[in-house]
N, C-alpha and C. Protein backbone atom coordinates (compact mmCIF):
# COMPACT_ATOMS: atom_id res chain seq x y z
N UNK A 1 -9.14 18.24 -11.40
CA UNK A 1 -8.68 17.12 -11.25
C UNK A 1 -7.23 16.41 -10.92
N UNK A 2 -6.67 17.41 -11.54
CA UNK A 2 -5.19 16.87 -11.18
C UNK A 2 -4.77 16.75 -10.06
N UNK A 3 -5.05 17.75 -9.10
CA UNK A 3 -4.89 17.72 -7.45
C UNK A 3 -5.31 16.44 -6.66
N UNK A 4 -6.54 16.00 -7.35
CA UNK A 4 -7.24 14.78 -6.83
C UNK A 4 -6.01 13.45 -6.82
N UNK A 5 -6.00 13.56 -8.38
CA UNK A 5 -4.86 12.44 -8.89
C UNK A 5 -3.38 12.54 -7.86
N UNK A 6 -3.00 13.55 -7.43
CA UNK A 6 -1.74 14.09 -6.77
C UNK A 6 -2.08 13.49 -5.57
N UNK A 7 -2.97 14.12 -4.94
CA UNK A 7 -3.33 13.36 -3.34
C UNK A 7 -3.63 11.91 -3.13
N UNK A 8 -4.41 11.21 -4.34
CA UNK A 8 -4.32 9.99 -4.30
C UNK A 8 -3.13 9.38 -4.38
N UNK A 9 -1.97 9.54 -5.34
CA UNK A 9 -0.94 9.40 -5.71
C UNK A 9 -0.15 9.20 -3.74
N UNK A 10 -0.11 10.62 -3.80
CA UNK A 10 0.65 10.40 -1.80
C UNK A 10 -0.49 9.61 -1.00
N UNK A 11 -1.08 9.34 -0.97
CA UNK A 11 -1.70 8.38 -0.43
C UNK A 11 -1.58 6.89 -0.62
N UNK A 12 -1.46 6.55 -1.47
CA UNK A 12 -1.07 5.03 -2.05
C UNK A 12 0.40 5.16 -1.36
N UNK A 13 1.41 6.05 -1.92
CA UNK A 13 2.87 5.75 -1.64
C UNK A 13 2.81 6.10 -0.13
N UNK A 14 2.42 6.45 0.59
CA UNK A 14 2.30 6.16 1.97
C UNK A 14 2.20 5.03 2.54
N UNK A 15 0.82 4.66 1.91
CA UNK A 15 0.15 2.91 2.33
C UNK A 15 1.43 1.97 2.02
N UNK A 16 2.11 2.26 1.04
CA UNK A 16 3.05 1.51 0.64
C UNK A 16 4.40 1.27 1.14
N UNK A 17 4.65 2.67 1.45
CA UNK A 17 5.88 2.57 2.67
C UNK A 17 5.46 2.31 3.89
N UNK A 18 4.41 2.33 4.27
CA UNK A 18 4.08 1.75 5.68
C UNK A 18 4.02 0.31 5.46
N UNK A 19 3.62 -0.67 4.31
CA UNK A 19 3.69 -1.96 4.25
C UNK A 19 5.35 -2.57 4.36
N UNK A 20 6.13 -1.55 3.64
CA UNK A 20 7.41 -1.81 3.58
C UNK A 20 7.97 -1.66 5.00
N UNK A 21 7.30 -0.40 5.44
CA UNK A 21 8.38 -0.27 6.97
C UNK A 21 7.83 -1.64 7.73
N UNK A 22 6.68 -1.86 8.08
CA UNK A 22 5.95 -3.16 8.57
C UNK A 22 6.90 -4.26 8.20
N UNK A 23 7.03 -4.82 7.12
CA UNK A 23 7.93 -5.89 7.09
C UNK A 23 9.43 -5.67 7.07
N UNK A 24 10.15 -4.42 7.17
CA UNK A 24 11.31 -4.14 7.62
C UNK A 24 11.29 -4.50 9.16
N UNK A 25 10.50 -4.03 10.30
CA UNK A 25 10.37 -4.27 11.44
C UNK A 25 10.12 -5.77 11.74
N UNK A 26 9.29 -6.25 10.97
CA UNK A 26 9.36 -7.65 11.05
C UNK A 26 10.42 -8.38 11.24
N UNK A 27 11.11 -8.43 9.95
CA UNK A 27 12.74 -8.82 9.93
C UNK A 27 13.45 -8.60 10.84
N UNK A 28 13.56 -7.05 11.43
CA UNK A 28 14.45 -6.68 12.10
C UNK A 28 14.66 -7.04 13.67
N UNK A 29 13.02 -7.57 14.05
CA UNK A 29 12.52 -7.72 15.65
C UNK A 29 12.89 -9.43 15.71
N UNK A 30 12.86 -9.79 15.03
CA UNK A 30 13.38 -11.71 15.14
C UNK A 30 12.51 -12.52 15.92
N UNK A 31 11.33 -12.26 15.48
CA UNK A 31 10.51 -13.27 16.05
C UNK A 31 9.43 -12.14 17.33
N UNK A 32 9.97 -11.46 17.77
CA UNK A 32 9.06 -10.47 18.84
C UNK A 32 8.29 -9.44 17.89
N UNK A 33 7.76 -9.56 16.69
CA UNK A 33 7.14 -8.30 16.44
C UNK A 33 5.94 -7.99 16.70
N UNK A 34 5.37 -9.16 17.63
CA UNK A 34 4.25 -8.66 18.08
C UNK A 34 4.16 -8.00 19.53
N UNK A 35 5.06 -8.05 19.78
CA UNK A 35 5.38 -7.16 21.16
C UNK A 35 6.25 -5.55 21.15
N UNK A 36 6.54 -5.54 19.76
CA UNK A 36 7.42 -4.38 19.16
C UNK A 36 5.69 -3.07 18.51
N UNK A 37 6.37 -1.85 19.46
CA UNK A 37 5.08 -0.62 19.44
C UNK A 37 5.00 -0.46 18.10
N UNK A 38 6.17 -0.28 17.47
CA UNK A 38 6.13 0.42 16.08
C UNK A 38 5.90 -0.36 14.88
N UNK A 39 5.70 -1.87 15.18
CA UNK A 39 5.08 -2.96 14.64
C UNK A 39 3.58 -2.87 14.52
N UNK A 40 3.52 -2.69 15.80
CA UNK A 40 1.74 -2.95 15.76
C UNK A 40 1.30 -1.62 15.33
N UNK A 41 1.99 -0.31 15.58
CA UNK A 41 1.00 1.08 15.22
C UNK A 41 1.17 0.82 13.61
N UNK A 42 2.09 0.38 12.95
CA UNK A 42 2.26 0.05 11.56
C UNK A 42 0.93 -1.14 11.01
N UNK A 43 0.88 -1.78 11.90
CA UNK A 43 -0.34 -2.97 11.55
C UNK A 43 -1.42 -2.24 11.91
N UNK A 44 -1.57 -1.43 12.65
CA UNK A 44 -2.99 -0.65 13.20
C UNK A 44 -3.30 0.39 11.67
N UNK A 45 -1.99 1.20 11.17
CA UNK A 45 -2.20 2.01 10.01
C UNK A 45 -2.28 1.41 8.73
N UNK A 46 -1.97 -0.02 8.51
CA UNK A 46 -2.16 -0.47 7.55
C UNK A 46 -3.20 -2.07 7.37
N UNK A 47 -4.11 -1.71 8.68
CA UNK A 47 -5.32 -2.55 8.72
C UNK A 47 -6.22 -2.62 8.02
N UNK A 48 -6.41 -1.33 7.45
CA UNK A 48 -7.75 -1.25 6.43
C UNK A 48 -7.70 -1.80 5.12
N UNK A 49 -6.30 -1.35 4.84
CA UNK A 49 -5.91 -1.94 3.53
C UNK A 49 -5.62 -3.48 3.43
N UNK A 50 -4.98 -4.00 4.45
CA UNK A 50 -5.47 -5.69 4.44
C UNK A 50 -6.58 -6.28 4.92
N UNK A 51 -7.32 -5.50 5.23
CA UNK A 51 -8.82 -6.04 5.13
C UNK A 51 -9.60 -5.85 4.01
N UNK A 52 -9.18 -5.26 3.17
CA UNK A 52 -9.80 -4.93 2.14
C UNK A 52 -9.56 -5.93 1.26
N UNK A 53 -7.76 -6.21 1.00
CA UNK A 53 -7.18 -7.32 0.22
C UNK A 53 -7.84 -8.57 0.75
N UNK A 54 -7.79 -8.77 1.86
CA UNK A 54 -8.44 -9.89 2.45
C UNK A 54 -9.98 -10.23 1.78
N UNK A 55 -10.49 -9.17 1.98
CA UNK A 55 -12.05 -9.65 0.93
C UNK A 55 -11.84 -10.07 -0.26
N UNK A 56 -10.95 -9.34 -1.06
CA UNK A 56 -10.92 -9.13 -2.43
C UNK A 56 -10.32 -10.49 -3.17
N UNK A 57 -9.51 -11.26 -1.93
CA UNK A 57 -8.53 -12.51 -2.46
C UNK A 57 -9.08 -13.48 -2.39
N UNK A 58 -8.62 -14.63 -3.28
CA UNK A 58 -9.43 -15.83 -2.65
C UNK A 58 -9.13 -16.36 -1.56
N UNK A 59 -10.02 -17.66 -1.05
CA UNK A 59 -9.58 -17.62 0.10
C UNK A 59 -8.25 -18.88 0.19
N UNK A 60 -7.69 -19.31 -0.65
CA UNK A 60 -6.54 -20.37 -0.84
C UNK A 60 -5.02 -19.25 -0.45
N UNK A 61 -5.38 -18.22 -0.73
CA UNK A 61 -4.18 -17.03 -0.18
C UNK A 61 -3.96 -17.05 0.94
N UNK A 62 -3.11 -17.44 1.61
CA UNK A 62 -2.36 -17.37 3.22
C UNK A 62 -2.77 -15.92 3.75
N UNK A 63 -2.90 -15.85 4.70
CA UNK A 63 -3.37 -14.72 5.64
C UNK A 63 -1.73 -13.77 5.99
N UNK A 64 -0.65 -14.83 5.63
CA UNK A 64 0.46 -14.22 5.93
C UNK A 64 1.24 -13.48 4.94
N UNK A 65 0.66 -13.85 3.40
CA UNK A 65 0.46 -13.02 2.50
C UNK A 65 -0.19 -12.23 1.88
N UNK A 66 -1.03 -11.71 2.80
CA UNK A 66 -2.11 -10.73 2.46
C UNK A 66 -1.33 -9.53 2.25
N UNK A 67 -0.35 -9.26 3.12
CA UNK A 67 0.55 -7.87 2.94
C UNK A 67 1.28 -7.43 1.68
N UNK A 68 1.77 -8.80 1.10
CA UNK A 68 2.66 -8.49 -0.05
C UNK A 68 1.28 -8.61 -1.10
N UNK A 69 0.27 -9.03 -1.17
CA UNK A 69 -0.62 -8.78 -2.21
C UNK A 69 -1.09 -7.42 -2.06
N UNK A 70 -1.04 -6.98 -0.84
CA UNK A 70 -1.46 -5.47 -0.81
C UNK A 70 -0.53 -4.66 -1.62
N UNK A 71 0.95 -4.68 -1.36
CA UNK A 71 1.86 -3.91 -1.78
C UNK A 71 1.70 -4.22 -3.23
N UNK A 72 1.27 -5.40 -3.62
CA UNK A 72 1.45 -5.56 -5.37
C UNK A 72 0.51 -4.52 -5.76
N UNK A 73 -0.82 -4.62 -5.19
CA UNK A 73 -1.54 -4.24 -5.55
C UNK A 73 -1.92 -2.87 -5.67
N UNK A 74 -1.42 -2.00 -4.87
CA UNK A 74 -0.70 -0.69 -4.51
C UNK A 74 0.08 -0.19 -5.55
N UNK A 75 0.96 -0.90 -5.71
CA UNK A 75 2.16 -0.86 -6.80
C UNK A 75 1.68 -0.35 -8.11
N UNK A 76 0.64 -1.25 -8.52
CA UNK A 76 -0.31 -1.34 -9.81
C UNK A 76 -1.24 0.22 -9.55
N UNK A 77 -1.87 0.31 -8.80
CA UNK A 77 -2.54 1.69 -8.38
C UNK A 77 -1.81 2.85 -8.62
N UNK A 78 -0.50 2.75 -7.71
CA UNK A 78 0.33 4.14 -8.34
C UNK A 78 0.60 4.09 -9.44
N UNK A 79 1.11 3.05 -10.37
CA UNK A 79 1.48 3.13 -11.67
C UNK A 79 0.15 3.93 -12.44
N UNK A 80 -0.79 3.35 -12.14
CA UNK A 80 -2.28 3.73 -12.66
C UNK A 80 -2.45 5.53 -12.73
N UNK A 81 -2.20 5.70 -11.45
CA UNK A 81 -2.29 6.93 -10.78
C UNK A 81 -1.23 8.23 -11.48
N UNK A 82 0.11 7.49 -11.74
CA UNK A 82 1.34 7.99 -12.65
C UNK A 82 0.68 8.70 -14.00
N UNK A 83 0.24 7.52 -14.39
CA UNK A 83 -0.32 7.71 -15.94
C UNK A 83 -1.25 8.58 -16.21
N UNK A 84 -2.30 8.56 -14.89
CA UNK A 84 -3.43 9.20 -15.13
C UNK A 84 -2.47 10.76 -14.88
N UNK A 85 -2.05 11.20 -14.03
CA UNK A 85 -1.15 12.17 -13.65
C UNK A 85 -0.51 13.09 -14.94
N UNK A 86 0.39 12.07 -15.71
CA UNK A 86 1.08 12.48 -16.94
C UNK A 86 -0.18 13.16 -18.08
N UNK A 87 -0.96 12.31 -18.56
CA UNK A 87 -2.27 12.35 -19.26
C UNK A 87 -2.67 13.69 -18.66
N UNK A 88 -3.20 14.13 -17.61
CA UNK A 88 -3.55 15.34 -17.11
C UNK A 88 -2.79 16.85 -17.36
N UNK A 89 -1.52 16.33 -17.40
CA UNK A 89 -0.31 17.51 -17.57
C UNK A 89 -0.30 17.68 -18.98
N UNK A 90 -0.55 16.61 -19.74
CA UNK A 90 -0.21 17.06 -21.30
C UNK A 90 -0.98 18.13 -21.91
N UNK A 91 -0.47 18.82 -22.66
CA UNK A 91 -1.05 19.87 -23.27
C UNK A 91 -1.71 19.17 -24.41
N UNK A 92 -3.20 19.73 -24.45
CA UNK A 92 -4.02 19.50 -25.88
C UNK A 92 -3.56 20.10 -26.96
N UNK A 93 -3.23 19.13 -28.03
CA UNK A 93 -2.73 19.64 -29.30
C UNK A 93 -4.13 20.29 -30.08
N UNK A 94 -4.19 21.49 -30.96
CA UNK A 94 -5.15 21.75 -31.25
C UNK A 94 -5.33 22.96 -32.07
């Protein structure tokens, strides 16, 4: 069970870093982010996450804010996985 939590935590970290990287490329491309191949690759890799977040968020959340919401959700999933990992590693007193 611990190995499953560790793998899930790694995947969440990877997805979060992809979203952060996509945001950095967006900032550094000065409005030409759609033409940047690195940005497009990161957008392709993060599209499953943003699609799921778009479906679970209310309609009043603007599409350009969905990656930020996804990063927020991934952060709390990451925290929950850290707690699960720590609980699985604790020795049982008895």
